[in-house]
C-alpha atoms as a PDB file:
ATOM      1  CA  UNK A   1     -27.505  42.500  22.935  1.00  0.00           C
ATOM      2  CA  UNK A   2     -26.187  40.883  26.112  1.00  0.00           C
ATOM      3  CA  UNK A   3     -27.305  37.315  26.909  1.00  0.00           C
ATOM      4  CA  UNK A   4     -29.402  38.551  29.834  1.00  0.00           C
ATOM      5  CA  UNK A   5     -31.270  40.859  27.403  1.00  0.00           C
ATOM      6  CA  UNK A   6     -32.433  38.034  25.146  1.00  0.00           C
ATOM      7  CA  UNK A   7     -36.218  37.924  25.430  1.00  0.00           C
ATOM      8  CA  UNK A   8     -37.749  34.922  27.101  1.00  0.00           C
ATOM      9  CA  UNK A   9     -37.429  33.168  30.409  1.00  0.00           C
ATOM     10  CA  UNK A  10     -33.991  32.236  31.760  1.00  0.00           C
ATOM     11  CA  UNK A  11     -35.153  28.636  32.249  1.00  0.00           C
ATOM     12  CA  UNK A  12     -36.908  26.530  29.661  1.00  0.00           C
ATOM     13  CA  UNK A  13     -39.514  24.015  30.790  1.00  0.00           C
ATOM     14  CA  UNK A  14     -38.078  20.549  31.130  1.00  0.00           C
ATOM     15  CA  UNK A  15     -41.336  19.198  29.748  1.00  0.00           C
ATOM     16  CA  UNK A  16     -40.845  20.888  26.352  1.00  0.00           C
ATOM     17  CA  UNK A  17     -39.961  17.490  24.876  1.00  0.00           C
ATOM     18  CA  UNK A  18     -41.853  14.251  25.421  1.00  0.00           C
ATOM     19  CA  UNK A  19     -38.713  12.668  26.909  1.00  0.00           C
ATOM     20  CA  UNK A  20     -37.756  15.828  28.759  1.00  0.00           C
ATOM     21  CA  UNK A  21     -40.222  15.910  31.621  1.00  0.00           C
ATOM     22  CA  UNK A  22     -39.343  16.368  35.244  1.00  0.00           C
ATOM     23  CA  UNK A  23     -39.586  12.601  35.705  1.00  0.00           C
ATOM     24  CA  UNK A  24     -36.072  12.166  34.322  1.00  0.00           C
ATOM     25  CA  UNK A  25     -34.690  15.298  35.974  1.00  0.00           C
ATOM     26  CA  UNK A  26     -33.775  17.206  32.792  1.00  0.00           C
ATOM     27  CA  UNK A  27     -33.637  20.965  33.114  1.00  0.00           C
ATOM     28  CA  UNK A  28     -32.716  23.488  30.389  1.00  0.00           C
ATOM     29  CA  UNK A  29     -31.216  26.860  31.292  1.00  0.00           C
ATOM     30  CA  UNK A  30     -29.438  29.632  29.449  1.00  0.00           C
ATOM     31  CA  UNK A  31     -25.693  29.190  29.090  1.00  0.00           C
ATOM     32  CA  UNK A  32     -23.659  31.551  31.260  1.00  0.00           C
ATOM     33  CA  UNK A  33     -19.985  31.969  32.066  1.00  0.00           C
ATOM     34  CA  UNK A  34     -20.635  30.024  35.288  1.00  0.00           C
ATOM     35  CA  UNK A  35     -21.194  26.899  33.130  1.00  0.00           C
ATOM     36  CA  UNK A  36     -18.022  27.213  31.044  1.00  0.00           C
ATOM     37  CA  UNK A  37     -15.763  24.825  32.977  1.00  0.00           C
ATOM     38  CA  UNK A  38     -18.292  21.986  32.604  1.00  0.00           C
ATOM     39  CA  UNK A  39     -19.078  22.955  28.989  1.00  0.00           C
ATOM     40  CA  UNK A  40     -15.388  22.965  28.081  1.00  0.00           C
ATOM     41  CA  UNK A  41     -14.883  19.551  29.661  1.00  0.00           C
ATOM     42  CA  UNK A  42     -17.783  18.168  27.631  1.00  0.00           C
ATOM     43  CA  UNK A  43     -16.492  19.928  24.496  1.00  0.00           C
ATOM     44  CA  UNK A  44     -13.052  18.324  24.885  1.00  0.00           C
ATOM     45  CA  UNK A  45     -14.653  14.902  25.463  1.00  0.00           C
ATOM     46  CA  UNK A  46     -16.723  15.283  22.286  1.00  0.00           C
ATOM     47  CA  UNK A  47     -14.370  16.746  19.666  1.00  0.00           C
ATOM     48  CA  UNK A  48     -10.835  16.321  18.394  1.00  0.00           C
ATOM     49  CA  UNK A  49     -10.876  20.062  17.613  1.00  0.00           C
ATOM     50  CA  UNK A  50     -12.904  21.646  20.443  1.00  0.00           C
ATOM     51  CA  UNK A  51     -14.028  25.239  20.761  1.00  0.00           C
ATOM     52  CA  UNK A  52     -11.898  27.322  23.116  1.00  0.00           C
ATOM     53  CA  UNK A  53     -13.080  29.192  26.197  1.00  0.00           C
ATOM     54  CA  UNK A  54     -12.700  32.325  24.086  1.00  0.00           C
ATOM     55  CA  UNK A  55     -15.114  30.981  21.450  1.00  0.00           C
ATOM     56  CA  UNK A  56     -17.781  30.511  24.112  1.00  0.00           C
ATOM     57  CA  UNK A  57     -17.098  33.854  25.814  1.00  0.00           C
ATOM     58  CA  UNK A  58     -17.218  35.672  22.461  1.00  0.00           C
ATOM     59  CA  UNK A  59     -20.516  33.949  21.614  1.00  0.00           C
ATOM     60  CA  UNK A  60     -22.068  35.005  24.908  1.00  0.00           C
ATOM     61  CA  UNK A  61     -20.722  38.550  24.575  1.00  0.00           C
ATOM     62  CA  UNK A  62     -22.202  38.795  21.070  1.00  0.00           C
ATOM     63  CA  UNK A  63     -25.628  37.856  22.429  1.00  0.00           C
ATOM     64  CA  UNK A  64     -25.861  34.422  20.840  1.00  0.00           C
ATOM     65  CA  UNK A  65     -28.339  31.996  22.319  1.00  0.00           C
ATOM     66  CA  UNK A  66     -26.716  29.394  24.533  1.00  0.00           C
ATOM     67  CA  UNK A  67     -28.600  26.640  26.319  1.00  0.00           C
ATOM     68  CA  UNK A  68     -27.399  23.928  28.669  1.00  0.00           C
ATOM     69  CA  UNK A  69     -29.166  20.739  29.699  1.00  0.00           C
ATOM     70  CA  UNK A  70     -28.761  19.365  33.190  1.00  0.00           C
ATOM     71  CA  UNK A  71     -29.724  15.945  34.441  1.00  0.00           C
ATOM     72  CA  UNK A  72     -29.938  16.457  38.148  1.00  0.00           C
ATOM     73  CA  UNK A  73     -26.902  18.610  38.889  1.00  0.00           C
ATOM     74  CA  UNK A  74     -24.817  17.272  35.983  1.00  0.00           C
ATOM     75  CA  UNK A  75     -24.412  19.280  32.787  1.00  0.00           C
ATOM     76  CA  UNK A  76     -25.059  16.745  30.005  1.00  0.00           C
ATOM     77  CA  UNK A  77     -25.510  18.839  26.845  1.00  0.00           C
ATOM     78  CA  UNK A  78     -25.406  22.347  25.418  1.00  0.00           C
ATOM     79  CA  UNK A  79     -25.941  24.343  22.278  1.00  0.00           C
ATOM     80  CA  UNK A  80     -24.921  27.722  20.911  1.00  0.00           C
ATOM     81  CA  UNK A  81     -26.894  29.401  18.131  1.00  0.00           C
ATOM     82  CA  UNK A  82     -26.510  32.735  16.357  1.00  0.00           C
ATOM     83  CA  UNK A  83     -29.624  34.730  15.455  1.00  0.00           C
ATOM     84  CA  UNK A  84     -29.600  36.601  12.166  1.00  0.00           C
ATOM     85  CA  UNK A  85     -32.048  38.341   9.872  1.00  0.00           C
ATOM     86  CA  UNK A  86     -34.833  35.823   9.272  1.00  0.00           C
ATOM     87  CA  UNK A  87     -32.770  32.887  10.477  1.00  0.00           C
ATOM     88  CA  UNK A  88     -31.008  31.166  13.336  1.00  0.00           C
ATOM     89  CA  UNK A  89     -27.712  29.346  12.802  1.00  0.00           C
ATOM     90  CA  UNK A  90     -26.879  26.438  15.114  1.00  0.00           C
ATOM     91  CA  UNK A  91     -23.135  26.687  15.704  1.00  0.00           C
ATOM     92  CA  UNK A  92     -22.507  23.958  18.261  1.00  0.00           C
ATOM     93  CA  UNK A  93     -24.556  21.192  19.855  1.00  0.00           C
ATOM     94  CA  UNK A  94     -22.892  18.590  22.052  1.00  0.00           C
ATOM     95  CA  UNK A  95     -24.106  15.819  24.320  1.00  0.00           C
ATOM     96  CA  UNK A  96     -21.872  14.056  26.845  1.00  0.00           C
ATOM     97  CA  UNK A  97     -20.824  10.649  25.473  1.00  0.00           C
ATOM     98  CA  UNK A  98     -22.478   8.730  28.341  1.00  0.00           C
ATOM     99  CA  UNK A  99     -25.695  10.785  28.014  1.00  0.00           C
ATOM    100  CA  UNK A 100     -26.289  10.269  24.284  1.00  0.00           C
ATOM    101  CA  UNK A 101     -29.491   8.740  22.891  1.00  0.00           C
ATOM    102  CA  UNK A 102     -31.475   9.879  25.936  1.00  0.00           C
ATOM    103  CA  UNK A 103     -33.352  12.794  24.344  1.00  0.00           C
ATOM    104  CA  UNK A 104     -31.055  15.638  25.422  1.00  0.00           C
ATOM    105  CA  UNK A 105     -30.319  16.825  21.878  1.00  0.00           C
ATOM    106  CA  UNK A 106     -34.032  16.576  21.062  1.00  0.00           C
ATOM    107  CA  UNK A 107     -34.931  18.710  24.088  1.00  0.00           C
ATOM    108  CA  UNK A 108     -32.336  21.352  23.183  1.00  0.00           C
ATOM    109  CA  UNK A 109     -33.525  21.418  19.565  1.00  0.00           C
ATOM    110  CA  UNK A 110     -37.141  21.741  20.744  1.00  0.00           C
ATOM    111  CA  UNK A 111     -36.153  24.771  22.834  1.00  0.00           C
ATOM    112  CA  UNK A 112     -34.165  26.228  19.920  1.00  0.00           C
ATOM    113  CA  UNK A 113     -37.120  25.842  17.558  1.00  0.00           C
ATOM    114  CA  UNK A 114     -39.349  27.537  20.137  1.00  0.00           C
ATOM    115  CA  UNK A 115     -36.856  30.428  20.331  1.00  0.00           C
ATOM    116  CA  UNK A 116     -37.018  30.681  16.521  1.00  0.00           C
ATOM    117  CA  UNK A 117     -40.813  30.874  16.643  1.00  0.00           C
ATOM    118  CA  UNK A 118     -40.749  33.444  19.461  1.00  0.00           C
ATOM    119  CA  UNK A 119     -38.214  35.627  17.636  1.00  0.00           C
ATOM    120  CA  UNK A 120     -39.809  35.297  14.184  1.00  0.00           C
ATOM    121  CA  UNK A 121     -36.875  33.394  12.652  1.00  0.00           C
ATOM    122  CA  UNK A 122     -38.413  30.933  10.161  1.00  0.00           C
ATOM    123  CA  UNK A 123     -35.205  29.219   9.068  1.00  0.00           C
ATOM    124  CA  UNK A 124     -32.739  27.235  11.162  1.00  0.00           C
ATOM    125  CA  UNK A 125     -29.382  26.420   9.539  1.00  0.00           C
ATOM    126  CA  UNK A 126     -26.472  24.241  10.616  1.00  0.00           C
ATOM    127  CA  UNK A 127     -23.363  22.487   9.381  1.00  0.00           C
ATOM    128  CA  UNK A 128     -22.594  18.927  10.406  1.00  0.00           C
ATOM    129  CA  UNK A 129     -19.552  16.794   9.666  1.00  0.00           C
ATOM    130  CA  UNK A 130     -20.196  14.638   6.630  1.00  0.00           C
ATOM    131  CA  UNK A 131     -19.017  11.598   8.613  1.00  0.00           C
ATOM    132  CA  UNK A 132     -21.349  12.230  11.577  1.00  0.00           C
ATOM    133  CA  UNK A 133     -24.087   9.835  10.456  1.00  0.00           C
ATOM    134  CA  UNK A 134     -25.894   9.827  13.828  1.00  0.00           C
ATOM    135  CA  UNK A 135     -26.265  13.621  13.909  1.00  0.00           C
ATOM    136  CA  UNK A 136     -27.294  13.798  10.258  1.00  0.00           C
ATOM    137  CA  UNK A 137     -29.971  11.152  10.880  1.00  0.00           C
ATOM    138  CA  UNK A 138     -31.258  13.054  13.937  1.00  0.00           C
ATOM    139  CA  UNK A 139     -31.517  16.281  11.960  1.00  0.00           C
ATOM    140  CA  UNK A 140     -33.274  14.543   9.035  1.00  0.00           C
ATOM    141  CA  UNK A 141     -35.803  12.988  11.444  1.00  0.00           C
ATOM    142  CA  UNK A 142     -36.534  16.486  12.724  1.00  0.00           C
ATOM    143  CA  UNK A 143     -37.249  17.754   9.208  1.00  0.00           C
ATOM    144  CA  UNK A 144     -33.908  19.302   8.245  1.00  0.00           C
ATOM    145  CA  UNK A 145     -33.015  19.096   4.567  1.00  0.00           C
ATOM    146  CA  UNK A 146     -29.500  18.742   3.196  1.00  0.00           C
ATOM    147  CA  UNK A 147     -28.907  21.885   1.132  1.00  0.00           C
ATOM    148  CA  UNK A 148     -25.296  21.501   0.062  1.00  0.00           C
ATOM    149  CA  UNK A 149     -21.733  20.744   1.064  1.00  0.00           C
ATOM    150  CA  UNK A 150     -19.011  23.076   2.351  1.00  0.00           C
ATOM    151  CA  UNK A 151     -15.773  21.500   1.140  1.00  0.00           C
ATOM    152  CA  UNK A 152     -12.957  21.251   3.689  1.00  0.00           C
ATOM    153  CA  UNK A 153     -14.977  23.090   6.332  1.00  0.00           C
ATOM    154  CA  UNK A 154     -13.797  21.184   9.429  1.00  0.00           C
ATOM    155  CA  UNK A 155     -10.269  20.353  10.570  1.00  0.00           C
ATOM    156  CA  UNK A 156      -9.599  16.614  10.673  1.00  0.00           C
ATOM    157  CA  UNK A 157      -6.882  14.418  12.123  1.00  0.00           C
ATOM    158  CA  UNK A 158      -3.632  14.102  10.210  1.00  0.00           C
ATOM    159  CA  UNK A 159      -3.761  17.705   8.981  1.00  0.00           C
ATOM    160  CA  UNK A 160      -6.638  16.911   6.656  1.00  0.00           C
ATOM    161  CA  UNK A 161     -10.035  18.603   6.294  1.00  0.00           C
ATOM    162  CA  UNK A 162     -13.560  17.179   6.400  1.00  0.00           C
ATOM    163  CA  UNK A 163     -16.565  18.406   4.428  1.00  0.00           C
ATOM    164  CA  UNK A 164     -19.618  19.824   6.174  1.00  0.00           C
ATOM    165  CA  UNK A 165     -23.159  19.103   5.098  1.00  0.00           C
ATOM    166  CA  UNK A 166     -25.242  22.290   5.172  1.00  0.00           C
ATOM    167  CA  UNK A 167     -28.751  21.622   6.481  1.00  0.00           C
ATOM    168  CA  UNK A 168     -31.842  23.803   6.806  1.00  0.00           C
ATOM    169  CA  UNK A 169     -35.106  23.509   8.688  1.00  0.00           C
ATOM    170  CA  UNK A 170     -38.096  25.675   7.854  1.00  0.00           C
ATOM    171  CA  UNK A 171     -39.301  26.083  11.433  1.00  0.00           C
ATOM    172  CA  UNK A 172     -42.977  25.157  11.728  1.00  0.00           C
ATOM    173  CA  UNK A 173     -45.036  28.063  13.019  1.00  0.00           C
ATOM    174  CA  UNK A 174     -42.218  30.635  12.847  1.00  0.00           C
ATOM    175  CA  UNK A 175     -43.598  33.751  11.206  1.00  0.00           C
ATOM    176  CA  UNK A 176     -40.943  36.240  10.109  1.00  0.00           C
ATOM    177  CA  UNK A 177     -40.908  39.708  11.568  1.00  0.00           C
ATOM    178  CA  UNK A 178     -41.124  42.486   9.003  1.00  0.00           C
ATOM    179  CA  UNK A 179     -37.748  44.084   8.306  1.00  0.00           C
ATOM    180  CA  UNK A 180     -37.909  47.828   7.634  1.00  0.00           C
END
């Protein structure tokens, strides 16, 4: 399924999160190739081991859900998630360093949960670096549970590896579609 074929509106209401109303200028739209230069800049600013342009292009070509958050005309955050049978898997969520703690991740996660409900995907999964305490706390506040650890999942500086914490959210109000 091509990104344009994903059901739902191309724009998500900025008011989908209490901090995401039009008063602060946040706007959520579907990720497209036109956003990739800004997304890649943010990705490089956020990670020692960033995704490549090819990772993003492949995700879009595979029909994964991609969302970007703008504040005014500035891209400040994005996510990429992969739908599966009965679940959605959050692959990447990043917020620009100077835009953190302003509700952008919350607004993107709200939109992702709404997509899960709309598509009948009752479980949302993700991996997060064990050392990323801020992200783990955000996910726990949203109701995610730590389900296990993937040893050596992420590359780390100095040729080492870092564990990932596997987290799951049972999405409130998401009723699974019947699978024949």
